[in-house]
Amino acid sequence: MDVGEPRNVRLFSYGTLQKREVQLASFGRALEGSPDALVGYRREMIAMADPAVVELSGEAHHPIVVFTGDPGDTVDGTVFAITAAELVAADSYEVDDYQRVEAQLRSGATGWVYVRAEQRRD
């Protein structure tokens, strides 16, 4: 990744993108982040069909979130400051079960998050 590129993109992770080994393989560096939460979503688990993702993460089942709209539903995680190029790398890591959407976090910040595909918040 380009070290001169600004890290002004927020990415919220509640799963394997929080793992150092996944970050090193996906971004070429360990990310720094701070705790936050996604409000109005609940966390579920899905089986991974992509053997490369399973090998990298070390997990055959990954978490995934679905929008509920219920403010009592929250998902804890970490928000990372990344570059635009690193966001593209994150897109490459995520399988077709996920889609990237922008969501507001408990802190009031907005950030990108990967949710169950085919589910829109519009």
N, C-alpha and C. Protein backbone atom coordinates (compact mmCIF):
# COMPACT_ATOMS: atom_id res chain seq x y z
N MET A 1 0.84 -1.18 0.00
CA MET A 1 0.00 0.00 0.00
C MET A 1 0.89 1.25 0.00
N ASP A 2 0.35 2.32 -0.51
CA ASP A 2 1.08 3.58 -0.60
C ASP A 2 1.11 4.26 0.77
N VAL A 3 2.30 4.38 1.35
CA VAL A 3 2.42 4.97 2.69
C VAL A 3 2.11 6.45 2.69
N GLY A 4 2.16 7.12 1.53
CA GLY A 4 1.87 8.54 1.47
C GLY A 4 0.39 8.86 1.36
N GLU A 5 -0.42 7.86 1.11
CA GLU A 5 -1.86 8.08 0.95
C GLU A 5 -2.51 8.36 2.31
N PRO A 6 -3.43 9.34 2.38
CA PRO A 6 -4.06 9.63 3.67
C PRO A 6 -4.94 8.49 4.16
N ARG A 7 -4.93 8.30 5.46
CA ARG A 7 -5.76 7.26 6.10
C ARG A 7 -7.02 7.92 6.64
N ASN A 8 -7.87 8.35 5.70
CA ASN A 8 -9.06 9.09 6.09
C ASN A 8 -10.36 8.33 5.81
N VAL A 9 -10.26 7.04 5.59
CA VAL A 9 -11.42 6.19 5.37
C VAL A 9 -11.65 5.39 6.65
N ARG A 10 -12.89 5.39 7.14
CA ARG A 10 -13.20 4.60 8.33
C ARG A 10 -13.78 3.25 7.92
N LEU A 11 -13.23 2.20 8.50
CA LEU A 11 -13.72 0.84 8.27
C LEU A 11 -14.02 0.22 9.62
N PHE A 12 -15.29 -0.20 9.81
CA PHE A 12 -15.69 -0.85 11.05
C PHE A 12 -15.62 -2.35 10.85
N SER A 13 -14.92 -3.04 11.75
CA SER A 13 -14.80 -4.49 11.68
C SER A 13 -15.32 -5.11 12.97
N TYR A 14 -16.10 -6.16 12.80
CA TYR A 14 -16.63 -6.92 13.93
C TYR A 14 -16.17 -8.37 13.87
N GLY A 15 -15.28 -8.67 12.92
CA GLY A 15 -14.88 -10.06 12.70
C GLY A 15 -13.42 -10.21 12.38
N THR A 16 -13.13 -10.99 11.35
CA THR A 16 -11.77 -11.43 11.07
C THR A 16 -10.83 -10.32 10.61
N LEU A 17 -11.35 -9.20 10.12
CA LEU A 17 -10.46 -8.09 9.75
C LEU A 17 -9.81 -7.45 10.98
N GLN A 18 -10.23 -7.87 12.18
CA GLN A 18 -9.59 -7.41 13.41
C GLN A 18 -8.33 -8.23 13.72
N LYS A 19 -8.17 -9.36 13.03
CA LYS A 19 -7.02 -10.24 13.27
C LYS A 19 -5.76 -9.70 12.60
N ARG A 20 -4.69 -9.68 13.36
CA ARG A 20 -3.41 -9.16 12.85
C ARG A 20 -2.96 -9.88 11.58
N GLU A 21 -3.07 -11.22 11.55
CA GLU A 21 -2.59 -11.98 10.39
C GLU A 21 -3.42 -11.66 9.14
N VAL A 22 -4.71 -11.40 9.31
CA VAL A 22 -5.57 -11.02 8.17
C VAL A 22 -5.18 -9.62 7.70
N GLN A 23 -4.92 -8.72 8.62
CA GLN A 23 -4.51 -7.36 8.26
C GLN A 23 -3.19 -7.36 7.51
N LEU A 24 -2.22 -8.12 8.01
CA LEU A 24 -0.91 -8.17 7.33
C LEU A 24 -1.04 -8.72 5.92
N ALA A 25 -1.84 -9.77 5.76
CA ALA A 25 -2.02 -10.37 4.43
C ALA A 25 -2.83 -9.46 3.50
N SER A 26 -3.80 -8.75 4.04
CA SER A 26 -4.69 -7.92 3.22
C SER A 26 -4.14 -6.53 2.94
N PHE A 27 -3.47 -5.95 3.94
CA PHE A 27 -3.05 -4.55 3.84
C PHE A 27 -1.54 -4.34 3.90
N GLY A 28 -0.81 -5.39 4.25
CA GLY A 28 0.63 -5.26 4.37
C GLY A 28 1.08 -4.57 5.63
N ARG A 29 0.15 -4.37 6.56
CA ARG A 29 0.48 -3.72 7.84
C ARG A 29 -0.60 -4.08 8.86
N ALA A 30 -0.24 -3.93 10.12
CA ALA A 30 -1.22 -4.08 11.19
C ALA A 30 -1.94 -2.74 11.34
N LEU A 31 -3.24 -2.80 11.48
CA LEU A 31 -4.05 -1.58 11.59
C LEU A 31 -4.17 -1.13 13.04
N GLU A 32 -4.33 0.17 13.21
CA GLU A 32 -4.61 0.73 14.53
C GLU A 32 -6.06 1.16 14.52
N GLY A 33 -6.78 0.85 15.61
CA GLY A 33 -8.18 1.20 15.66
C GLY A 33 -8.64 1.50 17.06
N SER A 34 -9.91 1.83 17.16
CA SER A 34 -10.50 2.09 18.47
C SER A 34 -11.86 1.38 18.56
N PRO A 35 -12.25 0.99 19.77
CA PRO A 35 -13.52 0.30 19.95
C PRO A 35 -14.69 1.19 19.56
N ASP A 36 -15.70 0.58 18.98
CA ASP A 36 -16.94 1.28 18.63
C ASP A 36 -18.01 0.20 18.49
N ALA A 37 -19.19 0.58 18.10
CA ALA A 37 -20.27 -0.39 17.93
C ALA A 37 -21.18 0.04 16.80
N LEU A 38 -21.79 -0.94 16.19
CA LEU A 38 -22.76 -0.76 15.13
C LEU A 38 -24.13 -0.91 15.78
N VAL A 39 -24.99 0.08 15.64
CA VAL A 39 -26.30 0.06 16.29
C VAL A 39 -27.36 -0.27 15.26
N GLY A 40 -28.33 -1.11 15.66
CA GLY A 40 -29.41 -1.48 14.76
C GLY A 40 -29.09 -2.68 13.90
N TYR A 41 -28.08 -3.43 14.29
CA TYR A 41 -27.66 -4.65 13.58
C TYR A 41 -27.52 -5.78 14.59
N ARG A 42 -27.64 -7.00 14.10
CA ARG A 42 -27.33 -8.16 14.94
C ARG A 42 -26.31 -9.02 14.19
N ARG A 43 -25.54 -9.74 14.96
CA ARG A 43 -24.46 -10.57 14.42
C ARG A 43 -24.94 -12.02 14.31
N GLU A 44 -24.60 -12.65 13.18
CA GLU A 44 -24.87 -14.06 12.92
C GLU A 44 -23.58 -14.70 12.44
N MET A 45 -23.60 -15.99 12.20
CA MET A 45 -22.43 -16.70 11.68
C MET A 45 -22.80 -17.36 10.36
N ILE A 46 -21.83 -17.41 9.42
CA ILE A 46 -22.04 -18.10 8.15
C ILE A 46 -20.82 -18.99 7.87
N ALA A 47 -21.07 -20.06 7.14
CA ALA A 47 -19.99 -20.96 6.74
C ALA A 47 -19.25 -20.35 5.55
N MET A 48 -17.94 -20.42 5.58
CA MET A 48 -17.11 -19.92 4.49
C MET A 48 -16.88 -21.02 3.47
N ALA A 49 -17.18 -20.73 2.21
CA ALA A 49 -16.97 -21.71 1.13
C ALA A 49 -15.61 -21.52 0.46
N ASP A 50 -15.00 -20.34 0.62
CA ASP A 50 -13.72 -20.04 -0.03
C ASP A 50 -12.57 -20.57 0.83
N PRO A 51 -11.86 -21.61 0.34
CA PRO A 51 -10.78 -22.20 1.14
C PRO A 51 -9.65 -21.22 1.44
N ALA A 52 -9.40 -20.26 0.57
CA ALA A 52 -8.33 -19.29 0.81
C ALA A 52 -8.67 -18.40 2.00
N VAL A 53 -9.93 -18.01 2.12
CA VAL A 53 -10.37 -17.19 3.24
C VAL A 53 -10.30 -17.98 4.54
N VAL A 54 -10.70 -19.24 4.49
CA VAL A 54 -10.64 -20.11 5.67
C VAL A 54 -9.19 -20.29 6.11
N GLU A 55 -8.30 -20.52 5.14
CA GLU A 55 -6.89 -20.70 5.47
C GLU A 55 -6.31 -19.44 6.11
N LEU A 56 -6.61 -18.27 5.54
CA LEU A 56 -6.07 -17.02 6.06
C LEU A 56 -6.61 -16.70 7.45
N SER A 57 -7.90 -16.86 7.64
CA SER A 57 -8.51 -16.49 8.92
C SER A 57 -8.37 -17.57 9.97
N GLY A 58 -8.21 -18.82 9.52
CA GLY A 58 -8.16 -19.93 10.45
C GLY A 58 -9.53 -20.32 10.98
N GLU A 59 -10.59 -19.82 10.33
CA GLU A 59 -11.95 -20.08 10.79
C GLU A 59 -12.84 -20.49 9.63
N ALA A 60 -13.59 -21.58 9.82
CA ALA A 60 -14.52 -22.06 8.78
C ALA A 60 -15.84 -21.31 8.81
N HIS A 61 -16.16 -20.66 9.92
CA HIS A 61 -17.37 -19.85 10.05
C HIS A 61 -16.97 -18.43 10.44
N HIS A 62 -17.56 -17.46 9.75
CA HIS A 62 -17.26 -16.06 10.01
C HIS A 62 -18.52 -15.34 10.46
N PRO A 63 -18.34 -14.29 11.26
CA PRO A 63 -19.50 -13.48 11.63
C PRO A 63 -19.97 -12.64 10.45
N ILE A 64 -21.24 -12.33 10.46
CA ILE A 64 -21.85 -11.44 9.47
C ILE A 64 -22.94 -10.68 10.20
N VAL A 65 -23.22 -9.45 9.80
CA VAL A 65 -24.27 -8.68 10.46
C VAL A 65 -25.44 -8.44 9.52
N VAL A 66 -26.63 -8.34 10.12
CA VAL A 66 -27.86 -8.04 9.38
C VAL A 66 -28.52 -6.85 10.05
N PHE A 67 -29.07 -5.98 9.24
CA PHE A 67 -29.75 -4.78 9.74
C PHE A 67 -31.10 -5.16 10.32
N THR A 68 -31.36 -4.69 11.54
CA THR A 68 -32.66 -4.91 12.18
C THR A 68 -33.42 -3.61 12.38
N GLY A 69 -32.69 -2.50 12.50
CA GLY A 69 -33.31 -1.22 12.79
C GLY A 69 -33.65 -1.04 14.26
N ASP A 70 -33.44 -2.06 15.07
CA ASP A 70 -33.74 -2.01 16.50
C ASP A 70 -32.54 -1.40 17.22
N PRO A 71 -32.71 -0.23 17.87
CA PRO A 71 -31.58 0.39 18.56
C PRO A 71 -31.04 -0.46 19.72
N GLY A 72 -31.79 -1.46 20.14
CA GLY A 72 -31.31 -2.36 21.18
C GLY A 72 -30.34 -3.41 20.65
N ASP A 73 -30.30 -3.58 19.33
CA ASP A 73 -29.36 -4.52 18.71
C ASP A 73 -28.05 -3.79 18.42
N THR A 74 -26.96 -4.27 19.00
CA THR A 74 -25.66 -3.66 18.74
C THR A 74 -24.62 -4.75 18.49
N VAL A 75 -23.63 -4.38 17.72
CA VAL A 75 -22.52 -5.27 17.41
C VAL A 75 -21.24 -4.51 17.76
N ASP A 76 -20.47 -5.04 18.71
CA ASP A 76 -19.20 -4.43 19.09
C ASP A 76 -18.12 -4.76 18.08
N GLY A 77 -17.17 -3.85 17.95
CA GLY A 77 -16.07 -4.08 17.03
C GLY A 77 -15.04 -2.97 17.14
N THR A 78 -14.31 -2.79 16.06
CA THR A 78 -13.23 -1.81 16.01
C THR A 78 -13.36 -0.98 14.75
N VAL A 79 -13.16 0.32 14.88
CA VAL A 79 -13.13 1.19 13.70
C VAL A 79 -11.67 1.53 13.41
N PHE A 80 -11.29 1.32 12.15
CA PHE A 80 -9.92 1.54 11.71
C PHE A 80 -9.88 2.72 10.74
N ALA A 81 -8.79 3.49 10.79
CA ALA A 81 -8.53 4.54 9.79
C ALA A 81 -7.62 3.92 8.74
N ILE A 82 -8.13 3.82 7.51
CA ILE A 82 -7.39 3.18 6.42
C ILE A 82 -7.36 4.10 5.21
N THR A 83 -6.62 3.70 4.20
CA THR A 83 -6.55 4.45 2.95
C THR A 83 -7.63 3.95 1.98
N ALA A 84 -7.86 4.71 0.94
CA ALA A 84 -8.81 4.29 -0.10
C ALA A 84 -8.33 2.98 -0.75
N ALA A 85 -7.02 2.85 -0.97
CA ALA A 85 -6.48 1.61 -1.55
C ALA A 85 -6.69 0.43 -0.62
N GLU A 86 -6.59 0.65 0.68
CA GLU A 86 -6.82 -0.43 1.64
C GLU A 86 -8.29 -0.83 1.68
N LEU A 87 -9.18 0.11 1.43
CA LEU A 87 -10.60 -0.24 1.34
C LEU A 87 -10.85 -1.18 0.16
N VAL A 88 -10.19 -0.93 -0.95
CA VAL A 88 -10.29 -1.81 -2.11
C VAL A 88 -9.73 -3.20 -1.75
N ALA A 89 -8.64 -3.23 -0.99
CA ALA A 89 -8.08 -4.52 -0.56
C ALA A 89 -9.05 -5.25 0.36
N ALA A 90 -9.75 -4.53 1.21
CA ALA A 90 -10.75 -5.15 2.08
C ALA A 90 -11.89 -5.73 1.25
N ASP A 91 -12.28 -5.02 0.20
CA ASP A 91 -13.32 -5.54 -0.71
C ASP A 91 -12.87 -6.87 -1.32
N SER A 92 -11.59 -6.98 -1.65
CA SER A 92 -11.07 -8.21 -2.24
C SER A 92 -11.07 -9.36 -1.24
N TYR A 93 -10.87 -9.06 0.03
CA TYR A 93 -10.85 -10.10 1.06
C TYR A 93 -12.25 -10.65 1.31
N GLU A 94 -13.25 -9.79 1.32
CA GLU A 94 -14.61 -10.21 1.64
C GLU A 94 -15.21 -11.03 0.49
N VAL A 95 -15.92 -12.09 0.83
CA VAL A 95 -16.54 -12.95 -0.17
C VAL A 95 -17.91 -12.40 -0.56
N ASP A 96 -18.55 -13.04 -1.54
CA ASP A 96 -19.81 -12.54 -2.09
C ASP A 96 -20.97 -12.53 -1.11
N ASP A 97 -20.82 -13.18 0.04
CA ASP A 97 -21.88 -13.15 1.06
C ASP A 97 -22.01 -11.77 1.70
N TYR A 98 -20.99 -10.93 1.52
CA TYR A 98 -20.93 -9.61 2.15
C TYR A 98 -21.07 -8.51 1.10
N GLN A 99 -21.64 -7.40 1.54
CA GLN A 99 -21.61 -6.18 0.73
C GLN A 99 -21.22 -5.03 1.66
N ARG A 100 -20.53 -4.06 1.10
CA ARG A 100 -20.07 -2.92 1.89
C ARG A 100 -21.12 -1.82 1.84
N VAL A 101 -21.49 -1.31 3.04
CA VAL A 101 -22.40 -0.18 3.16
C VAL A 101 -21.81 0.82 4.15
N GLU A 102 -22.28 2.04 4.07
CA GLU A 102 -21.87 3.05 5.03
C GLU A 102 -22.91 3.09 6.14
N ALA A 103 -22.47 3.12 7.37
CA ALA A 103 -23.39 3.11 8.51
C ALA A 103 -22.88 4.04 9.60
N GLN A 104 -23.80 4.52 10.40
CA GLN A 104 -23.42 5.34 11.55
C GLN A 104 -23.09 4.42 12.72
N LEU A 105 -22.02 4.78 13.43
CA LEU A 105 -21.57 4.01 14.58
C LEU A 105 -22.05 4.67 15.87
N ARG A 106 -21.98 3.94 16.97
CA ARG A 106 -22.43 4.47 18.26
C ARG A 106 -21.73 5.78 18.60
N SER A 107 -20.46 5.90 18.23
CA SER A 107 -19.68 7.11 18.53
C SER A 107 -20.19 8.34 17.79
N GLY A 108 -21.04 8.15 16.79
CA GLY A 108 -21.52 9.25 15.96
C GLY A 108 -20.80 9.33 14.62
N ALA A 109 -19.65 8.66 14.53
CA ALA A 109 -18.90 8.63 13.27
C ALA A 109 -19.62 7.72 12.27
N THR A 110 -19.36 7.94 11.00
CA THR A 110 -19.84 7.01 9.98
C THR A 110 -18.64 6.24 9.45
N GLY A 111 -18.90 5.03 9.02
CA GLY A 111 -17.83 4.21 8.49
C GLY A 111 -18.39 3.12 7.60
N TRP A 112 -17.49 2.52 6.83
CA TRP A 112 -17.87 1.40 5.98
C TRP A 112 -17.92 0.14 6.82
N VAL A 113 -18.90 -0.71 6.51
CA VAL A 113 -19.04 -1.98 7.20
C VAL A 113 -19.55 -3.02 6.20
N TYR A 114 -19.14 -4.25 6.39
CA TYR A 114 -19.59 -5.34 5.52
C TYR A 114 -20.78 -6.03 6.19
N VAL A 115 -21.90 -6.06 5.48
CA VAL A 115 -23.15 -6.65 5.97
C VAL A 115 -23.55 -7.80 5.06
N ARG A 116 -24.55 -8.54 5.47
CA ARG A 116 -25.05 -9.64 4.63
C ARG A 116 -25.48 -9.07 3.29
N ALA A 117 -25.02 -9.66 2.20
CA ALA A 117 -25.38 -9.22 0.85
C ALA A 117 -26.88 -9.35 0.62
N GLU A 118 -27.39 -8.57 -0.28
CA GLU A 118 -28.80 -8.51 -0.65
C GLU A 118 -29.66 -7.79 0.38
N GLN A 119 -29.05 -7.33 1.47
CA GLN A 119 -29.83 -6.61 2.46
C GLN A 119 -29.47 -5.14 2.38
N ARG A 120 -30.42 -4.32 2.08
CA ARG A 120 -30.20 -2.88 1.95
C ARG A 120 -30.87 -2.15 3.11
N ARG A 121 -30.29 -1.02 3.52
CA ARG A 121 -30.85 -0.22 4.61
C ARG A 121 -31.73 0.91 4.08
N ASP A 122 -31.89 1.06 2.77
CA ASP A 122 -32.57 2.23 2.21
C ASP A 122 -33.96 2.40 2.81
